Amino acid sequence: MKNLVISPAIKEKLLQKHSLSRNDVEQCFMNRTRSYLMDNRLNHVTDPPTEWFIAENNRGLLIKVVFVFDDGIIYLKSAFPPNLTEISIYNTISIPY
């Protein structure tokens, strides 16, 4: 994905804290089966809005991907294994396609 931007700090955090790589994140975008959700919590509001989704990578690991989409570019904010509350919210609110 040429339009995916991951800062060096985020890349390091993904690897060190969550053992995730750019490939893991790209696989989640490709394997996504439900819609994106907007993070509308007051202390997380951004312009453009922060969006997120949960999908599996090619190894079957469930990952929450958090990003900002601006002018055709995806800026990764974070990616990590979701908790049960996040999984429940995503499966209840997002729309399958």
N, C-alpha and C. Protein backbone atom coordinates (compact mmCIF):
# COMPACT_ATOMS: atom_id res chain seq x y z
N MET A 1 0.85 -1.18 0.00
CA MET A 1 0.00 0.00 0.00
C MET A 1 0.89 1.24 0.00
N LYS A 2 0.98 1.85 -1.14
CA LYS A 2 1.85 3.01 -1.26
C LYS A 2 1.32 4.24 -0.52
N ASN A 3 -0.01 4.26 -0.26
CA ASN A 3 -0.59 5.43 0.39
C ASN A 3 -0.65 5.29 1.91
N LEU A 4 -0.03 4.26 2.48
CA LEU A 4 0.02 4.07 3.93
C LEU A 4 1.29 4.68 4.48
N VAL A 5 1.12 5.65 5.39
CA VAL A 5 2.26 6.32 6.02
C VAL A 5 2.32 5.89 7.48
N ILE A 6 3.49 5.38 7.87
CA ILE A 6 3.72 4.99 9.27
C ILE A 6 4.98 5.72 9.73
N SER A 7 4.82 6.57 10.73
CA SER A 7 5.97 7.32 11.23
C SER A 7 6.97 6.37 11.88
N PRO A 8 8.23 6.77 11.95
CA PRO A 8 9.23 5.91 12.60
C PRO A 8 8.86 5.57 14.05
N ALA A 9 8.29 6.52 14.78
CA ALA A 9 7.91 6.26 16.17
C ALA A 9 6.80 5.23 16.27
N ILE A 10 5.78 5.33 15.40
CA ILE A 10 4.69 4.35 15.39
C ILE A 10 5.21 2.99 14.95
N LYS A 11 6.07 2.96 13.95
CA LYS A 11 6.65 1.71 13.47
C LYS A 11 7.40 1.00 14.59
N GLU A 12 8.18 1.75 15.35
CA GLU A 12 8.93 1.18 16.47
C GLU A 12 7.99 0.66 17.56
N LYS A 13 6.94 1.42 17.87
CA LYS A 13 5.98 1.00 18.89
C LYS A 13 5.26 -0.28 18.46
N LEU A 14 4.86 -0.35 17.19
CA LEU A 14 4.20 -1.55 16.69
C LEU A 14 5.07 -2.78 16.90
N LEU A 15 6.33 -2.65 16.58
CA LEU A 15 7.25 -3.77 16.68
C LEU A 15 7.55 -4.12 18.14
N GLN A 16 7.93 -3.12 18.92
CA GLN A 16 8.37 -3.37 20.29
C GLN A 16 7.23 -3.76 21.24
N LYS A 17 6.12 -3.07 21.15
CA LYS A 17 5.02 -3.30 22.10
C LYS A 17 4.06 -4.39 21.65
N HIS A 18 3.82 -4.50 20.34
CA HIS A 18 2.79 -5.41 19.86
C HIS A 18 3.30 -6.50 18.90
N SER A 19 4.59 -6.49 18.59
CA SER A 19 5.20 -7.44 17.65
C SER A 19 4.47 -7.45 16.30
N LEU A 20 4.12 -6.24 15.83
CA LEU A 20 3.43 -6.09 14.56
C LEU A 20 4.30 -5.35 13.56
N SER A 21 4.10 -5.61 12.29
CA SER A 21 4.86 -4.98 11.22
C SER A 21 3.92 -4.22 10.28
N ARG A 22 4.51 -3.50 9.36
CA ARG A 22 3.75 -2.84 8.31
C ARG A 22 2.92 -3.86 7.53
N ASN A 23 3.50 -5.01 7.24
CA ASN A 23 2.78 -6.06 6.51
C ASN A 23 1.53 -6.50 7.26
N ASP A 24 1.61 -6.63 8.58
CA ASP A 24 0.44 -7.01 9.37
C ASP A 24 -0.68 -5.99 9.17
N VAL A 25 -0.34 -4.71 9.21
CA VAL A 25 -1.34 -3.65 9.04
C VAL A 25 -1.92 -3.68 7.63
N GLU A 26 -1.07 -3.81 6.63
CA GLU A 26 -1.54 -3.87 5.25
C GLU A 26 -2.47 -5.06 5.04
N GLN A 27 -2.13 -6.20 5.63
CA GLN A 27 -2.98 -7.39 5.51
C GLN A 27 -4.36 -7.14 6.11
N CYS A 28 -4.40 -6.41 7.22
CA CYS A 28 -5.70 -6.10 7.84
C CYS A 28 -6.55 -5.25 6.91
N PHE A 29 -5.95 -4.27 6.24
CA PHE A 29 -6.71 -3.47 5.28
C PHE A 29 -7.27 -4.36 4.17
N MET A 30 -6.47 -5.29 3.71
CA MET A 30 -6.90 -6.17 2.62
C MET A 30 -7.94 -7.20 3.08
N ASN A 31 -7.87 -7.63 4.33
CA ASN A 31 -8.75 -8.67 4.85
C ASN A 31 -10.01 -8.14 5.53
N ARG A 32 -10.16 -6.84 5.59
CA ARG A 32 -11.30 -6.22 6.28
C ARG A 32 -12.61 -6.63 5.61
N THR A 33 -13.61 -6.99 6.44
CA THR A 33 -14.90 -7.42 5.92
C THR A 33 -16.05 -6.55 6.42
N ARG A 34 -15.75 -5.55 7.23
CA ARG A 34 -16.78 -4.66 7.77
C ARG A 34 -16.33 -3.20 7.58
N SER A 35 -17.24 -2.28 7.79
CA SER A 35 -16.97 -0.86 7.56
C SER A 35 -16.02 -0.27 8.61
N TYR A 36 -15.48 0.90 8.30
CA TYR A 36 -14.69 1.66 9.26
C TYR A 36 -15.65 2.31 10.25
N LEU A 37 -15.16 2.56 11.45
CA LEU A 37 -15.91 3.34 12.44
C LEU A 37 -15.12 4.60 12.74
N MET A 38 -15.83 5.68 13.09
CA MET A 38 -15.20 6.93 13.45
C MET A 38 -15.04 6.99 14.96
N ASP A 39 -13.87 7.42 15.41
CA ASP A 39 -13.63 7.59 16.84
C ASP A 39 -14.18 8.95 17.23
N ASN A 40 -15.34 8.96 17.88
CA ASN A 40 -15.98 10.24 18.22
C ASN A 40 -15.88 10.57 19.70
N ARG A 41 -14.98 9.90 20.42
CA ARG A 41 -14.75 10.26 21.82
C ARG A 41 -14.14 11.65 21.87
N LEU A 42 -14.60 12.48 22.79
CA LEU A 42 -14.20 13.89 22.84
C LEU A 42 -12.70 14.08 22.88
N ASN A 43 -11.99 13.28 23.64
CA ASN A 43 -10.54 13.47 23.74
C ASN A 43 -9.76 12.82 22.60
N HIS A 44 -10.48 12.28 21.60
CA HIS A 44 -9.84 11.65 20.44
C HIS A 44 -10.26 12.28 19.11
N VAL A 45 -11.05 13.34 19.17
CA VAL A 45 -11.55 13.97 17.94
C VAL A 45 -10.40 14.65 17.20
N THR A 46 -10.30 14.37 15.91
CA THR A 46 -9.28 14.98 15.05
C THR A 46 -9.93 15.50 13.78
N ASP A 47 -9.22 16.34 13.06
CA ASP A 47 -9.70 16.85 11.77
C ASP A 47 -8.57 16.67 10.76
N PRO A 48 -8.71 15.74 9.84
CA PRO A 48 -9.85 14.87 9.56
C PRO A 48 -10.04 13.84 10.67
N PRO A 49 -11.20 13.20 10.69
CA PRO A 49 -11.52 12.31 11.79
C PRO A 49 -10.65 11.05 11.85
N THR A 50 -10.45 10.58 13.07
CA THR A 50 -9.78 9.31 13.29
C THR A 50 -10.78 8.18 13.04
N GLU A 51 -10.36 7.19 12.28
CA GLU A 51 -11.21 6.04 11.98
C GLU A 51 -10.51 4.77 12.46
N TRP A 52 -11.27 3.70 12.59
CA TRP A 52 -10.68 2.43 13.02
C TRP A 52 -11.51 1.26 12.52
N PHE A 53 -10.87 0.10 12.53
CA PHE A 53 -11.54 -1.14 12.19
C PHE A 53 -10.78 -2.29 12.84
N ILE A 54 -11.39 -3.45 12.84
CA ILE A 54 -10.76 -4.66 13.35
C ILE A 54 -10.79 -5.71 12.25
N ALA A 55 -9.65 -6.33 12.01
CA ALA A 55 -9.56 -7.38 10.99
C ALA A 55 -8.41 -8.32 11.37
N GLU A 56 -8.37 -9.45 10.71
CA GLU A 56 -7.29 -10.41 10.92
C GLU A 56 -6.17 -10.16 9.91
N ASN A 57 -4.94 -10.40 10.37
CA ASN A 57 -3.83 -10.44 9.42
C ASN A 57 -3.81 -11.84 8.81
N ASN A 58 -2.85 -12.12 7.96
CA ASN A 58 -2.81 -13.42 7.27
C ASN A 58 -2.45 -14.58 8.19
N ARG A 59 -1.98 -14.28 9.41
CA ARG A 59 -1.69 -15.33 10.39
C ARG A 59 -2.88 -15.58 11.31
N GLY A 60 -4.01 -14.86 11.08
CA GLY A 60 -5.21 -15.05 11.89
C GLY A 60 -5.23 -14.24 13.17
N LEU A 61 -4.29 -13.31 13.34
CA LEU A 61 -4.26 -12.46 14.53
C LEU A 61 -5.23 -11.30 14.33
N LEU A 62 -6.13 -11.12 15.28
CA LEU A 62 -7.09 -10.02 15.23
C LEU A 62 -6.40 -8.73 15.65
N ILE A 63 -6.52 -7.68 14.83
CA ILE A 63 -5.82 -6.41 15.08
C ILE A 63 -6.80 -5.25 14.91
N LYS A 64 -6.73 -4.30 15.85
CA LYS A 64 -7.47 -3.04 15.71
C LYS A 64 -6.51 -2.06 15.03
N VAL A 65 -6.95 -1.47 13.93
CA VAL A 65 -6.14 -0.52 13.17
C VAL A 65 -6.79 0.86 13.30
N VAL A 66 -6.01 1.85 13.75
CA VAL A 66 -6.49 3.21 13.97
C VAL A 66 -5.72 4.13 13.03
N PHE A 67 -6.46 4.96 12.29
CA PHE A 67 -5.80 5.76 11.25
C PHE A 67 -6.58 7.04 10.97
N VAL A 68 -5.92 7.94 10.25
CA VAL A 68 -6.54 9.15 9.72
C VAL A 68 -6.36 9.10 8.20
N PHE A 69 -7.45 9.34 7.48
CA PHE A 69 -7.41 9.36 6.01
C PHE A 69 -7.51 10.81 5.57
N ASP A 70 -6.50 11.29 4.85
CA ASP A 70 -6.48 12.69 4.43
C ASP A 70 -5.93 12.78 3.01
N ASP A 71 -6.79 13.24 2.10
CA ASP A 71 -6.39 13.50 0.72
C ASP A 71 -5.72 12.29 0.07
N GLY A 72 -6.32 11.12 0.26
CA GLY A 72 -5.82 9.91 -0.38
C GLY A 72 -4.70 9.20 0.37
N ILE A 73 -4.27 9.77 1.48
CA ILE A 73 -3.18 9.18 2.27
C ILE A 73 -3.75 8.63 3.58
N ILE A 74 -3.31 7.43 3.96
CA ILE A 74 -3.69 6.81 5.22
C ILE A 74 -2.53 6.99 6.19
N TYR A 75 -2.77 7.74 7.28
CA TYR A 75 -1.76 7.96 8.30
C TYR A 75 -2.08 7.04 9.48
N LEU A 76 -1.24 6.05 9.70
CA LEU A 76 -1.48 5.11 10.78
C LEU A 76 -1.21 5.77 12.12
N LYS A 77 -2.17 5.66 13.04
CA LYS A 77 -1.99 6.17 14.40
C LYS A 77 -1.60 5.06 15.35
N SER A 78 -2.18 3.86 15.14
CA SER A 78 -1.86 2.75 16.01
C SER A 78 -2.43 1.46 15.43
N ALA A 79 -1.92 0.34 15.93
CA ALA A 79 -2.45 -0.99 15.60
C ALA A 79 -2.07 -1.91 16.76
N PHE A 80 -3.05 -2.69 17.22
CA PHE A 80 -2.81 -3.54 18.39
C PHE A 80 -3.94 -4.55 18.52
N PRO A 81 -3.73 -5.62 19.28
CA PRO A 81 -4.81 -6.58 19.51
C PRO A 81 -5.96 -5.90 20.27
N PRO A 82 -7.19 -6.02 19.78
CA PRO A 82 -8.32 -5.36 20.43
C PRO A 82 -8.74 -6.10 21.69
N ASN A 83 -9.39 -5.35 22.61
CA ASN A 83 -9.96 -5.99 23.79
C ASN A 83 -11.39 -6.43 23.46
N LEU A 84 -12.01 -7.14 24.38
CA LEU A 84 -13.35 -7.68 24.14
C LEU A 84 -14.39 -6.58 23.93
N THR A 85 -14.26 -5.47 24.63
CA THR A 85 -15.21 -4.36 24.46
C THR A 85 -15.11 -3.79 23.05
N GLU A 86 -13.90 -3.58 22.55
CA GLU A 86 -13.70 -3.05 21.20
C GLU A 86 -14.26 -4.01 20.15
N ILE A 87 -14.04 -5.29 20.35
CA ILE A 87 -14.56 -6.29 19.41
C ILE A 87 -16.09 -6.25 19.40
N SER A 88 -16.69 -6.16 20.57
CA SER A 88 -18.15 -6.12 20.68
C SER A 88 -18.72 -4.87 20.00
N ILE A 89 -18.11 -3.71 20.27
CA ILE A 89 -18.55 -2.46 19.64
C ILE A 89 -18.45 -2.57 18.13
N TYR A 90 -17.32 -3.03 17.64
CA TYR A 90 -17.10 -3.11 16.20
C TYR A 90 -18.10 -4.05 15.53
N ASN A 91 -18.31 -5.20 16.13
CA ASN A 91 -19.22 -6.18 15.53
C ASN A 91 -20.67 -5.74 15.61
N THR A 92 -21.00 -4.87 16.57
CA THR A 92 -22.38 -4.39 16.71
C THR A 92 -22.68 -3.20 15.80
N ILE A 93 -21.71 -2.29 15.67
CA ILE A 93 -21.97 -1.01 14.97
C ILE A 93 -21.54 -1.04 13.50
N SER A 94 -20.44 -1.69 13.18
CA SER A 94 -19.96 -1.66 11.80
C SER A 94 -20.86 -2.49 10.89
N ILE A 95 -20.84 -2.14 9.63
CA ILE A 95 -21.70 -2.78 8.64
C ILE A 95 -20.88 -3.76 7.81
N PRO A 96 -21.31 -5.02 7.74
CA PRO A 96 -20.59 -5.97 6.87
C PRO A 96 -20.84 -5.64 5.40
N TYR A 97 -19.89 -6.00 4.56
CA TYR A 97 -20.07 -5.81 3.13
C TYR A 97 -19.53 -6.97 2.36
